[in-house]
Each structure stands twice: as structure tokens, then as C-alpha cells.
Amino acid sequence: MKATEPIIIKGTEVNARTQCAHYHSERDIIAIQHKCCSEFYACIQCHNEAANHPAQVWPKAEFQTQAIYCGNCHQTLSIASYLSCDSTCPHCQAAFNPGCANHYHLYFEQ
């Protein structure tokens, strides 16, 4: 997706930087497009509260999908790029929360 295409980030109390009621530190600035519904959510809890279906993980074969959204620069990243970016946006160098790695299994096939 191009930055000019409007991407709607769903969730609970989501702000312009994609921070939500659950994760809102200065570094909590990514949203993830969920495999199950193709909707971008600020976090897994936001998805689970709003969606009427269980979340699905992205299979490794689809890690080139542009499914990560940086709330700082509003660019998308492929899952592979995000997983290898060392907690920094490759477009704008904004710092991502390194603690997100603890939740990768909820989004991405391990």
C-alpha cells in the first residue's frame, strides 16, 4: 500500500500514531493488518474486542505482505521487513517498542 491510500486503524481509543487503550507508550506506534480479516488493528486486544472471529497468524509464506503500519510516518512495511528491522522503522527511523517481540507468536507463524 502507498502512504497516500487511507488506512483505517481500528481499536479502542486509537490515536493518530496508532497507540491504543492497551498499548500507548511513545514506542507503541505500529498497527498490524490481521490475516483473518485484512483489517488493521492497533493490537491483538483491540482485534479481539471488536472482531467477531478469532485472530489468525500470518504464515511464513506470506511474510512479504505489507501488513505493518508505522504510526509515525504512515508507511507500510512487509512483515519480513518489520521482523528484521531491529525495532526501528526503516522509513523514518522512529523507535518501535522492542517488547512487541514478546507477542509475535500472536501475529506471525514462528
PDB file of N, CA and C in Angstrom:
ATOM      1  N   MET A   1       0.831  -1.189   0.000  1.00  0.00           N
ATOM      2  CA  MET A   1       0.000   0.000   0.000  1.00  0.00           C
ATOM      3  C   MET A   1       0.869   1.242   0.000  1.00  0.00           C
ATOM      4  N   LYS A   2       0.399   2.244  -0.651  1.00  0.00           N
ATOM      5  CA  LYS A   2       1.112   3.516  -0.682  1.00  0.00           C
ATOM      6  C   LYS A   2       0.645   4.391   0.476  1.00  0.00           C
ATOM      7  N   ALA A   3       1.492   5.306   0.887  1.00  0.00           N
ATOM      8  CA  ALA A   3       1.158   6.191   2.000  1.00  0.00           C
ATOM      9  C   ALA A   3      -0.049   7.062   1.689  1.00  0.00           C
ATOM     10  N   THR A   4      -0.337   7.285   0.407  1.00  0.00           N
ATOM     11  CA  THR A   4      -1.444   8.159   0.035  1.00  0.00           C
ATOM     12  C   THR A   4      -2.796   7.463   0.167  1.00  0.00           C
ATOM     13  N   GLU A   5      -2.804   6.161   0.229  1.00  0.00           N
ATOM     14  CA  GLU A   5      -4.053   5.431   0.406  1.00  0.00           C
ATOM     15  C   GLU A   5      -4.450   5.517   1.880  1.00  0.00           C
ATOM     16  N   PRO A   6      -5.687   5.879   2.146  1.00  0.00           N
ATOM     17  CA  PRO A   6      -6.089   5.956   3.552  1.00  0.00           C
ATOM     18  C   PRO A   6      -6.164   4.569   4.178  1.00  0.00           C
ATOM     19  N   ILE A   7      -5.501   4.425   5.281  1.00  0.00           N
ATOM     20  CA  ILE A   7      -5.546   3.180   6.028  1.00  0.00           C
ATOM     21  C   ILE A   7      -6.242   3.478   7.346  1.00  0.00           C
ATOM     22  N   ILE A   8      -7.296   2.766   7.610  1.00  0.00           N
ATOM     23  CA  ILE A   8      -8.041   2.955   8.843  1.00  0.00           C
ATOM     24  C   ILE A   8      -7.511   1.973   9.874  1.00  0.00           C
ATOM     25  N   ILE A   9      -7.124   2.510  11.022  1.00  0.00           N
ATOM     26  CA  ILE A   9      -6.631   1.677  12.108  1.00  0.00           C
ATOM     27  C   ILE A   9      -7.760   1.522  13.114  1.00  0.00           C
ATOM     28  N   LYS A  10      -8.180   0.304  13.332  1.00  0.00           N
ATOM     29  CA  LYS A  10      -9.273   0.026  14.261  1.00  0.00           C
ATOM     30  C   LYS A  10      -8.716  -0.266  15.651  1.00  0.00           C
ATOM     31  N   GLY A  11      -9.567  -0.060  16.645  1.00  0.00           N
ATOM     32  CA  GLY A  11      -9.176  -0.379  18.004  1.00  0.00           C
ATOM     33  C   GLY A  11      -9.856   0.507  19.022  1.00  0.00           C
ATOM     34  N   THR A  12      -9.444   0.345  20.248  1.00  0.00           N
ATOM     35  CA  THR A  12     -10.017   1.069  21.375  1.00  0.00           C
ATOM     36  C   THR A  12      -9.185   2.307  21.670  1.00  0.00           C
ATOM     37  N   GLU A  13      -9.798   3.472  21.520  1.00  0.00           N
ATOM     38  CA  GLU A  13      -9.144   4.746  21.799  1.00  0.00           C
ATOM     39  C   GLU A  13      -7.838   4.908  21.010  1.00  0.00           C
ATOM     40  N   VAL A  14      -7.878   4.610  19.714  1.00  0.00           N
ATOM     41  CA  VAL A  14      -6.705   4.703  18.849  1.00  0.00           C
ATOM     42  C   VAL A  14      -6.465   6.161  18.465  1.00  0.00           C
ATOM     43  N   ASN A  15      -5.220   6.602  18.598  1.00  0.00           N
ATOM     44  CA  ASN A  15      -4.877   7.968  18.199  1.00  0.00           C
ATOM     45  C   ASN A  15      -4.164   7.965  16.844  1.00  0.00           C
ATOM     46  N   ALA A  16      -3.729   9.119  16.390  1.00  0.00           N
ATOM     47  CA  ALA A  16      -3.111   9.270  15.068  1.00  0.00           C
ATOM     48  C   ALA A  16      -1.806   8.498  14.932  1.00  0.00           C
ATOM     49  N   ARG A  17      -1.159   8.155  16.048  1.00  0.00           N
ATOM     50  CA  ARG A  17       0.096   7.405  15.989  1.00  0.00           C
ATOM     51  C   ARG A  17      -0.126   5.908  16.190  1.00  0.00           C
ATOM     52  N   THR A  18      -1.355   5.457  16.184  1.00  0.00           N
ATOM     53  CA  THR A  18      -1.799   4.068  16.341  1.00  0.00           C
ATOM     54  C   THR A  18      -1.678   3.546  17.765  1.00  0.00           C
ATOM     55  N   GLN A  19      -1.456   4.419  18.717  1.00  0.00           N
ATOM     56  CA  GLN A  19      -1.447   3.985  20.121  1.00  0.00           C
ATOM     57  C   GLN A  19      -2.901   3.771  20.537  1.00  0.00           C
ATOM     58  N   CYS A  20      -3.110   2.822  21.429  1.00  0.00           N
ATOM     59  CA  CYS A  20      -4.474   2.482  21.829  1.00  0.00           C
ATOM     60  C   CYS A  20      -4.595   2.440  23.350  1.00  0.00           C
ATOM     61  N   ALA A  21      -5.769   2.070  23.823  1.00  0.00           N
ATOM     62  CA  ALA A  21      -6.008   1.988  25.266  1.00  0.00           C
ATOM     63  C   ALA A  21      -5.116   0.945  25.928  1.00  0.00           C
ATOM     64  N   HIS A  22      -4.692  -0.070  25.170  1.00  0.00           N
ATOM     65  CA  HIS A  22      -3.902  -1.158  25.743  1.00  0.00           C
ATOM     66  C   HIS A  22      -2.399  -0.879  25.709  1.00  0.00           C
ATOM     67  N   TYR A  23      -1.926  -0.303  24.606  1.00  0.00           N
ATOM     68  CA  TYR A  23      -0.501  -0.031  24.402  1.00  0.00           C
ATOM     69  C   TYR A  23      -0.352   1.410  23.920  1.00  0.00           C
ATOM     70  N   HIS A  24       0.215   2.256  24.746  1.00  0.00           N
ATOM     71  CA  HIS A  24       0.267   3.678  24.404  1.00  0.00           C
ATOM     72  C   HIS A  24       1.555   4.366  24.851  1.00  0.00           C
ATOM     73  N   SER A  25       2.647   3.600  24.926  1.00  0.00           N
ATOM     74  CA  SER A  25       3.924   4.251  25.218  1.00  0.00           C
ATOM     75  C   SER A  25       4.386   5.005  23.971  1.00  0.00           C
ATOM     76  N   GLU A  26       5.404   5.808  24.114  1.00  0.00           N
ATOM     77  CA  GLU A  26       5.955   6.577  22.998  1.00  0.00           C
ATOM     78  C   GLU A  26       6.374   5.663  21.839  1.00  0.00           C
ATOM     79  N   ARG A  27       6.727   4.411  22.148  1.00  0.00           N
ATOM     80  CA  ARG A  27       7.197   3.474  21.120  1.00  0.00           C
ATOM     81  C   ARG A  27       6.118   2.544  20.568  1.00  0.00           C
ATOM     82  N   ASP A  28       4.923   2.605  21.098  1.00  0.00           N
ATOM     83  CA  ASP A  28       3.829   1.753  20.618  1.00  0.00           C
ATOM     84  C   ASP A  28       3.158   2.429  19.423  1.00  0.00           C
ATOM     85  N   ILE A  29       3.827   2.353  18.280  1.00  0.00           N
ATOM     86  CA  ILE A  29       3.369   3.113  17.111  1.00  0.00           C
ATOM     87  C   ILE A  29       3.176   2.263  15.860  1.00  0.00           C
ATOM     88  N   ILE A  30       2.933   0.981  16.028  1.00  0.00           N
ATOM     89  CA  ILE A  30       2.628   0.179  14.844  1.00  0.00           C
ATOM     90  C   ILE A  30       1.229  -0.404  14.947  1.00  0.00           C
ATOM     91  N   ALA A  31       0.646  -0.652  13.811  1.00  0.00           N
ATOM     92  CA  ALA A  31      -0.609  -1.381  13.713  1.00  0.00           C
ATOM     93  C   ALA A  31      -0.353  -2.547  12.769  1.00  0.00           C
ATOM     94  N   ILE A  32      -1.103  -3.598  12.961  1.00  0.00           N
ATOM     95  CA  ILE A  32      -0.908  -4.806  12.160  1.00  0.00           C
ATOM     96  C   ILE A  32      -2.196  -5.158  11.438  1.00  0.00           C
ATOM     97  N   GLN A  33      -2.055  -5.419  10.148  1.00  0.00           N
ATOM     98  CA  GLN A  33      -3.190  -5.919   9.375  1.00  0.00           C
ATOM     99  C   GLN A  33      -3.360  -7.384   9.750  1.00  0.00           C
ATOM    100  N   HIS A  34      -4.536  -7.755  10.165  1.00  0.00           N
ATOM    101  CA  HIS A  34      -4.760  -9.125  10.615  1.00  0.00           C
ATOM    102  C   HIS A  34      -5.089 -10.031   9.437  1.00  0.00           C
ATOM    103  N   LYS A  35      -4.468 -11.176   9.424  1.00  0.00           N
ATOM    104  CA  LYS A  35      -4.620 -12.155   8.364  1.00  0.00           C
ATOM    105  C   LYS A  35      -6.084 -12.563   8.197  1.00  0.00           C
ATOM    106  N   CYS A  36      -6.786 -12.717   9.298  1.00  0.00           N
ATOM    107  CA  CYS A  36      -8.143 -13.254   9.286  1.00  0.00           C
ATOM    108  C   CYS A  36      -9.165 -12.344   8.622  1.00  0.00           C
ATOM    109  N   CYS A  37      -8.966 -11.030   8.698  1.00  0.00           N
ATOM    110  CA  CYS A  37      -9.999 -10.103   8.211  1.00  0.00           C
ATOM    111  C   CYS A  37      -9.453  -8.972   7.342  1.00  0.00           C
ATOM    112  N   SER A  38      -8.139  -8.918   7.165  1.00  0.00           N
ATOM    113  CA  SER A  38      -7.481  -7.875   6.371  1.00  0.00           C
ATOM    114  C   SER A  38      -7.683  -6.470   6.932  1.00  0.00           C
ATOM    115  N   GLU A  39      -8.070  -6.369   8.186  1.00  0.00           N
ATOM    116  CA  GLU A  39      -8.251  -5.075   8.850  1.00  0.00           C
ATOM    117  C   GLU A  39      -7.019  -4.757   9.687  1.00  0.00           C
ATOM    118  N   PHE A  40      -6.645  -3.482   9.721  1.00  0.00           N
ATOM    119  CA  PHE A  40      -5.545  -3.043  10.569  1.00  0.00           C
ATOM    120  C   PHE A  40      -6.090  -2.743  11.965  1.00  0.00           C
ATOM    121  N   TYR A  41      -5.435  -3.298  12.975  1.00  0.00           N
ATOM    122  CA  TYR A  41      -5.773  -3.034  14.374  1.00  0.00           C
ATOM    123  C   TYR A  41      -4.526  -2.576  15.099  1.00  0.00           C
ATOM    124  N   ALA A  42      -4.728  -1.752  16.129  1.00  0.00           N
ATOM    125  CA  ALA A  42      -3.607  -1.248  16.913  1.00  0.00           C
ATOM    126  C   ALA A  42      -2.934  -2.361  17.705  1.00  0.00           C
ATOM    127  N   CYS A  43      -3.688  -3.376  18.122  1.00  0.00           N
ATOM    128  CA  CYS A  43      -3.098  -4.505  18.858  1.00  0.00           C
ATOM    129  C   CYS A  43      -4.051  -5.688  18.829  1.00  0.00           C
ATOM    130  N   ILE A  44      -3.595  -6.805  19.330  1.00  0.00           N
ATOM    131  CA  ILE A  44      -4.406  -8.025  19.353  1.00  0.00           C
ATOM    132  C   ILE A  44      -5.620  -7.870  20.256  1.00  0.00           C
ATOM    133  N   GLN A  45      -5.469  -7.147  21.379  1.00  0.00           N
ATOM    134  CA  GLN A  45      -6.617  -6.949  22.261  1.00  0.00           C
ATOM    135  C   GLN A  45      -7.698  -6.123  21.566  1.00  0.00           C
ATOM    136  N   CYS A  46      -7.281  -5.101  20.820  1.00  0.00           N
ATOM    137  CA  CYS A  46      -8.252  -4.304  20.056  1.00  0.00           C
ATOM    138  C   CYS A  46      -9.000  -5.190  19.073  1.00  0.00           C
ATOM    139  N   HIS A  47      -8.285  -6.067  18.378  1.00  0.00           N
ATOM    140  CA  HIS A  47      -8.927  -7.000  17.441  1.00  0.00           C
ATOM    141  C   HIS A  47      -9.916  -7.893  18.181  1.00  0.00           C
ATOM    142  N   ASN A  48      -9.470  -8.468  19.276  1.00  0.00           N
ATOM    143  CA  ASN A  48     -10.321  -9.415  19.992  1.00  0.00           C
ATOM    144  C   ASN A  48     -11.566  -8.752  20.581  1.00  0.00           C
ATOM    145  N   GLU A  49     -11.471  -7.484  20.928  1.00  0.00           N
ATOM    146  CA  GLU A  49     -12.636  -6.763  21.453  1.00  0.00           C
ATOM    147  C   GLU A  49     -13.631  -6.407  20.351  1.00  0.00           C
ATOM    148  N   ALA A  50     -13.142  -6.120  19.156  1.00  0.00           N
ATOM    149  CA  ALA A  50     -14.004  -5.601  18.096  1.00  0.00           C
ATOM    150  C   ALA A  50     -14.454  -6.638  17.074  1.00  0.00           C
ATOM    151  N   ALA A  51     -13.621  -7.606  16.789  1.00  0.00           N
ATOM    152  CA  ALA A  51     -13.928  -8.579  15.739  1.00  0.00           C
ATOM    153  C   ALA A  51     -14.805  -9.706  16.288  1.00  0.00           C
ATOM    154  N   ASN A  52     -15.595 -10.284  15.422  1.00  0.00           N
ATOM    155  CA  ASN A  52     -16.459 -11.391  15.843  1.00  0.00           C
ATOM    156  C   ASN A  52     -15.896 -12.732  15.381  1.00  0.00           C
ATOM    157  N   HIS A  53     -14.576 -12.807  15.353  1.00  0.00           N
ATOM    158  CA  HIS A  53     -13.900 -14.031  14.928  1.00  0.00           C
ATOM    159  C   HIS A  53     -12.527 -14.092  15.605  1.00  0.00           C
ATOM    160  N   PRO A  54     -11.947 -15.283  15.684  1.00  0.00           N
ATOM    161  CA  PRO A  54     -10.608 -15.397  16.281  1.00  0.00           C
ATOM    162  C   PRO A  54      -9.532 -14.869  15.332  1.00  0.00           C
ATOM    163  N   ALA A  55      -8.485 -14.341  15.909  1.00  0.00           N
ATOM    164  CA  ALA A  55      -7.346 -13.871  15.113  1.00  0.00           C
ATOM    165  C   ALA A  55      -6.607 -15.065  14.512  1.00  0.00           C
ATOM    166  N   GLN A  56      -6.004 -14.846  13.359  1.00  0.00           N
ATOM    167  CA  GLN A  56      -5.177 -15.867  12.709  1.00  0.00           C
ATOM    168  C   GLN A  56      -3.775 -15.307  12.552  1.00  0.00           C
ATOM    169  N   VAL A  57      -2.782 -16.185  12.614  1.00  0.00           N
ATOM    170  CA  VAL A  57      -1.405 -15.743  12.417  1.00  0.00           C
ATOM    171  C   VAL A  57      -1.069 -15.750  10.933  1.00  0.00           C
ATOM    172  N   TRP A  58      -0.149 -14.852  10.555  1.00  0.00           N
ATOM    173  CA  TRP A  58       0.348 -14.817   9.181  1.00  0.00           C
ATOM    174  C   TRP A  58       1.310 -15.982   8.985  1.00  0.00           C
ATOM    175  N   PRO A  59       1.122 -16.812   7.941  1.00  0.00           N
ATOM    176  CA  PRO A  59       2.078 -17.891   7.670  1.00  0.00           C
ATOM    177  C   PRO A  59       3.381 -17.326   7.100  1.00  0.00           C
ATOM    178  N   LYS A  60       4.468 -18.007   7.353  1.00  0.00           N
ATOM    179  CA  LYS A  60       5.792 -17.563   6.873  1.00  0.00           C
ATOM    180  C   LYS A  60       5.799 -17.323   5.369  1.00  0.00           C
ATOM    181  N   ALA A  61       5.037 -18.100   4.632  1.00  0.00           N
ATOM    182  CA  ALA A  61       4.993 -17.962   3.173  1.00  0.00           C
ATOM    183  C   ALA A  61       4.435 -16.611   2.728  1.00  0.00           C
ATOM    184  N   GLU A  62       3.788 -15.882   3.638  1.00  0.00           N
ATOM    185  CA  GLU A  62       3.185 -14.587   3.292  1.00  0.00           C
ATOM    186  C   GLU A  62       3.865 -13.413   3.992  1.00  0.00           C
ATOM    187  N   PHE A  63       5.086 -13.598   4.457  1.00  0.00           N
ATOM    188  CA  PHE A  63       5.792 -12.535   5.182  1.00  0.00           C
ATOM    189  C   PHE A  63       6.214 -11.364   4.293  1.00  0.00           C
ATOM    190  N   GLN A  64       6.008 -11.452   2.977  1.00  0.00           N
ATOM    191  CA  GLN A  64       6.282 -10.298   2.106  1.00  0.00           C
ATOM    192  C   GLN A  64       5.074  -9.357   2.029  1.00  0.00           C
ATOM    193  N   THR A  65       3.987  -9.728   2.654  1.00  0.00           N
ATOM    194  CA  THR A  65       2.780  -8.895   2.673  1.00  0.00           C
ATOM    195  C   THR A  65       3.046  -7.591   3.427  1.00  0.00           C
ATOM    196  N   GLN A  66       2.579  -6.493   2.868  1.00  0.00           N
ATOM    197  CA  GLN A  66       2.693  -5.174   3.505  1.00  0.00           C
ATOM    198  C   GLN A  66       1.608  -5.079   4.581  1.00  0.00           C
ATOM    199  N   ALA A  67       1.880  -5.623   5.746  1.00  0.00           N
ATOM    200  CA  ALA A  67       0.858  -5.749   6.793  1.00  0.00           C
ATOM    201  C   ALA A  67       1.185  -4.973   8.067  1.00  0.00           C
ATOM    202  N   ILE A  68       2.272  -4.209   8.062  1.00  0.00           N
ATOM    203  CA  ILE A  68       2.665  -3.431   9.237  1.00  0.00           C
ATOM    204  C   ILE A  68       2.581  -1.951   8.871  1.00  0.00           C
ATOM    205  N   TYR A  69       1.985  -1.171   9.742  1.00  0.00           N
ATOM    206  CA  TYR A  69       1.787   0.262   9.515  1.00  0.00           C
ATOM    207  C   TYR A  69       2.500   1.045  10.602  1.00  0.00           C
ATOM    208  N   CYS A  70       3.361   1.959  10.197  1.00  0.00           N
ATOM    209  CA  CYS A  70       4.066   2.816  11.148  1.00  0.00           C
ATOM    210  C   CYS A  70       3.194   4.035  11.431  1.00  0.00           C
ATOM    211  N   GLY A  71       2.833   4.209  12.683  1.00  0.00           N
ATOM    212  CA  GLY A  71       2.010   5.341  13.075  1.00  0.00           C
ATOM    213  C   GLY A  71       2.760   6.660  13.102  1.00  0.00           C
ATOM    214  N   ASN A  72       4.074   6.610  12.948  1.00  0.00           N
ATOM    215  CA  ASN A  72       4.858   7.847  12.917  1.00  0.00           C
ATOM    216  C   ASN A  72       4.908   8.435  11.507  1.00  0.00           C
ATOM    217  N   CYS A  73       5.296   7.620  10.521  1.00  0.00           N
ATOM    218  CA  CYS A  73       5.436   8.135   9.149  1.00  0.00           C
ATOM    219  C   CYS A  73       4.298   7.698   8.221  1.00  0.00           C
ATOM    220  N   HIS A  74       3.435   6.813   8.701  1.00  0.00           N
ATOM    221  CA  HIS A  74       2.264   6.358   7.957  1.00  0.00           C
ATOM    222  C   HIS A  74       2.626   5.559   6.703  1.00  0.00           C
ATOM    223  N   GLN A  75       3.763   4.888   6.765  1.00  0.00           N
ATOM    224  CA  GLN A  75       4.194   3.991   5.691  1.00  0.00           C
ATOM    225  C   GLN A  75       3.913   2.549   6.115  1.00  0.00           C
ATOM    226  N   THR A  76       3.781   1.676   5.134  1.00  0.00           N
ATOM    227  CA  THR A  76       3.630   0.260   5.444  1.00  0.00           C
ATOM    228  C   THR A  76       4.951  -0.459   5.234  1.00  0.00           C
ATOM    229  N   LEU A  77       5.096  -1.551   5.962  1.00  0.00           N
ATOM    230  CA  LEU A  77       6.281  -2.408   5.869  1.00  0.00           C
ATOM    231  C   LEU A  77       5.802  -3.830   5.641  1.00  0.00           C
ATOM    232  N   SER A  78       6.620  -4.609   4.982  1.00  0.00           N
ATOM    233  CA  SER A  78       6.296  -6.026   4.892  1.00  0.00           C
ATOM    234  C   SER A  78       6.542  -6.645   6.268  1.00  0.00           C
ATOM    235  N   ILE A  79       5.924  -7.759   6.505  1.00  0.00           N
ATOM    236  CA  ILE A  79       6.142  -8.464   7.770  1.00  0.00           C
ATOM    237  C   ILE A  79       7.620  -8.813   7.903  1.00  0.00           C
ATOM    238  N   ALA A  80       8.232  -9.290   6.827  1.00  0.00           N
ATOM    239  CA  ALA A  80       9.655  -9.651   6.859  1.00  0.00           C
ATOM    240  C   ALA A  80      10.521  -8.454   7.214  1.00  0.00           C
ATOM    241  N   SER A  81      10.227  -7.310   6.633  1.00  0.00           N
ATOM    242  CA  SER A  81      10.985  -6.096   6.929  1.00  0.00           C
ATOM    243  C   SER A  81      10.819  -5.702   8.393  1.00  0.00           C
ATOM    244  N   TYR A  82       9.599  -5.765   8.886  1.00  0.00           N
ATOM    245  CA  TYR A  82       9.336  -5.433  10.290  1.00  0.00           C
ATOM    246  C   TYR A  82      10.087  -6.366  11.230  1.00  0.00           C
ATOM    247  N   LEU A  83      10.030  -7.665  10.947  1.00  0.00           N
ATOM    248  CA  LEU A  83      10.681  -8.629  11.840  1.00  0.00           C
ATOM    249  C   LEU A  83      12.195  -8.501  11.844  1.00  0.00           C
ATOM    250  N   SER A  84      12.754  -7.903  10.802  1.00  0.00           N
ATOM    251  CA  SER A  84      14.211  -7.763  10.726  1.00  0.00           C
ATOM    252  C   SER A  84      14.702  -6.332  10.961  1.00  0.00           C
ATOM    253  N   CYS A  85      13.823  -5.442  11.370  1.00  0.00           N
ATOM    254  CA  CYS A  85      14.185  -4.023  11.428  1.00  0.00           C
ATOM    255  C   CYS A  85      14.862  -3.589  12.728  1.00  0.00           C
ATOM    256  N   ASP A  86      15.057  -4.455  13.675  1.00  0.00           N
ATOM    257  CA  ASP A  86      15.734  -4.104  14.924  1.00  0.00           C
ATOM    258  C   ASP A  86      15.018  -2.973  15.663  1.00  0.00           C
ATOM    259  N   SER A  87      13.691  -3.030  15.699  1.00  0.00           N
ATOM    260  CA  SER A  87      12.848  -2.097  16.457  1.00  0.00           C
ATOM    261  C   SER A  87      12.960  -0.637  16.030  1.00  0.00           C
ATOM    262  N   THR A  88      13.272  -0.407  14.746  1.00  0.00           N
ATOM    263  CA  THR A  88      13.334   0.947  14.204  1.00  0.00           C
ATOM    264  C   THR A  88      12.695   0.956  12.818  1.00  0.00           C
ATOM    265  N   CYS A  89      11.840   1.914  12.560  1.00  0.00           N
ATOM    266  CA  CYS A  89      11.201   1.993  11.254  1.00  0.00           C
ATOM    267  C   CYS A  89      12.249   2.258  10.177  1.00  0.00           C
ATOM    268  N   PRO A  90      12.291   1.431   9.140  1.00  0.00           N
ATOM    269  CA  PRO A  90      13.266   1.655   8.066  1.00  0.00           C
ATOM    270  C   PRO A  90      12.967   2.905   7.235  1.00  0.00           C
ATOM    271  N   HIS A  91      11.755   3.439   7.314  1.00  0.00           N
ATOM    272  CA  HIS A  91      11.390   4.641   6.560  1.00  0.00           C
ATOM    273  C   HIS A  91      11.739   5.924   7.297  1.00  0.00           C
ATOM    274  N   CYS A  92      11.408   5.996   8.601  1.00  0.00           N
ATOM    275  CA  CYS A  92      11.555   7.254   9.342  1.00  0.00           C
ATOM    276  C   CYS A  92      12.473   7.146  10.568  1.00  0.00           C
ATOM    277  N   GLN A  93      12.954   5.957  10.854  1.00  0.00           N
ATOM    278  CA  GLN A  93      13.847   5.690  11.978  1.00  0.00           C
ATOM    279  C   GLN A  93      13.187   5.886  13.345  1.00  0.00           C
ATOM    280  N   ALA A  94      11.868   5.968  13.395  1.00  0.00           N
ATOM    281  CA  ALA A  94      11.175   6.035  14.685  1.00  0.00           C
ATOM    282  C   ALA A  94      11.396   4.717  15.425  1.00  0.00           C
ATOM    283  N   ALA A  95      11.520   4.801  16.726  1.00  0.00           N
ATOM    284  CA  ALA A  95      11.746   3.611  17.554  1.00  0.00           C
ATOM    285  C   ALA A  95      10.432   2.883  17.802  1.00  0.00           C
ATOM    286  N   PHE A  96      10.444   1.577  17.541  1.00  0.00           N
ATOM    287  CA  PHE A  96       9.315   0.711  17.863  1.00  0.00           C
ATOM    288  C   PHE A  96       9.565   0.086  19.228  1.00  0.00           C
ATOM    289  N   ASN A  97       8.518  -0.361  19.866  1.00  0.00           N
ATOM    290  CA  ASN A  97       8.635  -0.997  21.168  1.00  0.00           C
ATOM    291  C   ASN A  97       9.272  -2.383  21.000  1.00  0.00           C
ATOM    292  N   PRO A  98      10.480  -2.601  21.553  1.00  0.00           N
ATOM    293  CA  PRO A  98      11.112  -3.910  21.413  1.00  0.00           C
ATOM    294  C   PRO A  98      10.336  -5.006  22.141  1.00  0.00           C
ATOM    295  N   GLY A  99       9.493  -4.623  23.093  1.00  0.00           N
ATOM    296  CA  GLY A  99       8.675  -5.586  23.815  1.00  0.00           C
ATOM    297  C   GLY A  99       7.630  -6.257  22.945  1.00  0.00           C
ATOM    298  N   CYS A 100       7.341  -5.665  21.796  1.00  0.00           N
ATOM    299  CA  CYS A 100       6.376  -6.273  20.878  1.00  0.00           C
ATOM    300  C   CYS A 100       6.818  -7.672  20.458  1.00  0.00           C
ATOM    301  N   ALA A 101       8.107  -7.917  20.459  1.00  0.00           N
ATOM    302  CA  ALA A 101       8.630  -9.231  20.077  1.00  0.00           C
ATOM    303  C   ALA A 101       8.054 -10.340  20.962  1.00  0.00           C
ATOM    304  N   ASN A 102       7.668  -9.993  22.173  1.00  0.00           N
ATOM    305  CA  ASN A 102       7.069 -10.980  23.081  1.00  0.00           C
ATOM    306  C   ASN A 102       5.704 -11.456  22.586  1.00  0.00           C
ATOM    307  N   HIS A 103       5.115 -10.725  21.654  1.00  0.00           N
ATOM    308  CA  HIS A 103       3.779 -11.061  21.153  1.00  0.00           C
ATOM    309  C   HIS A 103       3.778 -11.536  19.704  1.00  0.00           C
ATOM    310  N   TYR A 104       4.934 -11.678  19.107  1.00  0.00           N
ATOM    311  CA  TYR A 104       4.988 -12.076  17.692  1.00  0.00           C
ATOM    312  C   TYR A 104       4.203 -13.353  17.424  1.00  0.00           C
ATOM    313  N   HIS A 105       4.228 -14.298  18.348  1.00  0.00           N
ATOM    314  CA  HIS A 105       3.529 -15.571  18.141  1.00  0.00           C
ATOM    315  C   HIS A 105       2.016 -15.395  17.976  1.00  0.00           C
ATOM    316  N   LEU A 106       1.486 -14.256  18.418  1.00  0.00           N
ATOM    317  CA  LEU A 106       0.053 -13.992  18.269  1.00  0.00           C
ATOM    318  C   LEU A 106      -0.296 -13.496  16.860  1.00  0.00           C
ATOM    319  N   TYR A 107       0.710 -13.046  16.130  1.00  0.00           N
ATOM    320  CA  TYR A 107       0.509 -12.452  14.801  1.00  0.00           C
ATOM    321  C   TYR A 107       1.175 -13.233  13.668  1.00  0.00           C
ATOM    322  N   PHE A 108       2.339 -13.805  13.963  1.00  0.00           N
ATOM    323  CA  PHE A 108       3.192 -14.381  12.914  1.00  0.00           C
ATOM    324  C   PHE A 108       3.574 -15.819  13.230  1.00  0.00           C
ATOM    325  N   GLU A 109       3.531 -16.670  12.207  1.00  0.00           N
ATOM    326  CA  GLU A 109       3.975 -18.045  12.361  1.00  0.00           C
ATOM    327  C   GLU A 109       5.435 -18.058  12.811  1.00  0.00           C
ATOM    328  N   GLN A 110       5.737 -18.887  13.770  1.00  0.00           N
ATOM    329  CA  GLN A 110       7.094 -18.958  14.329  1.00  0.00           C
ATOM    330  C   GLN A 110       7.881 -20.104  13.726  1.00  0.00           C
TER     331      GLN A 110
END
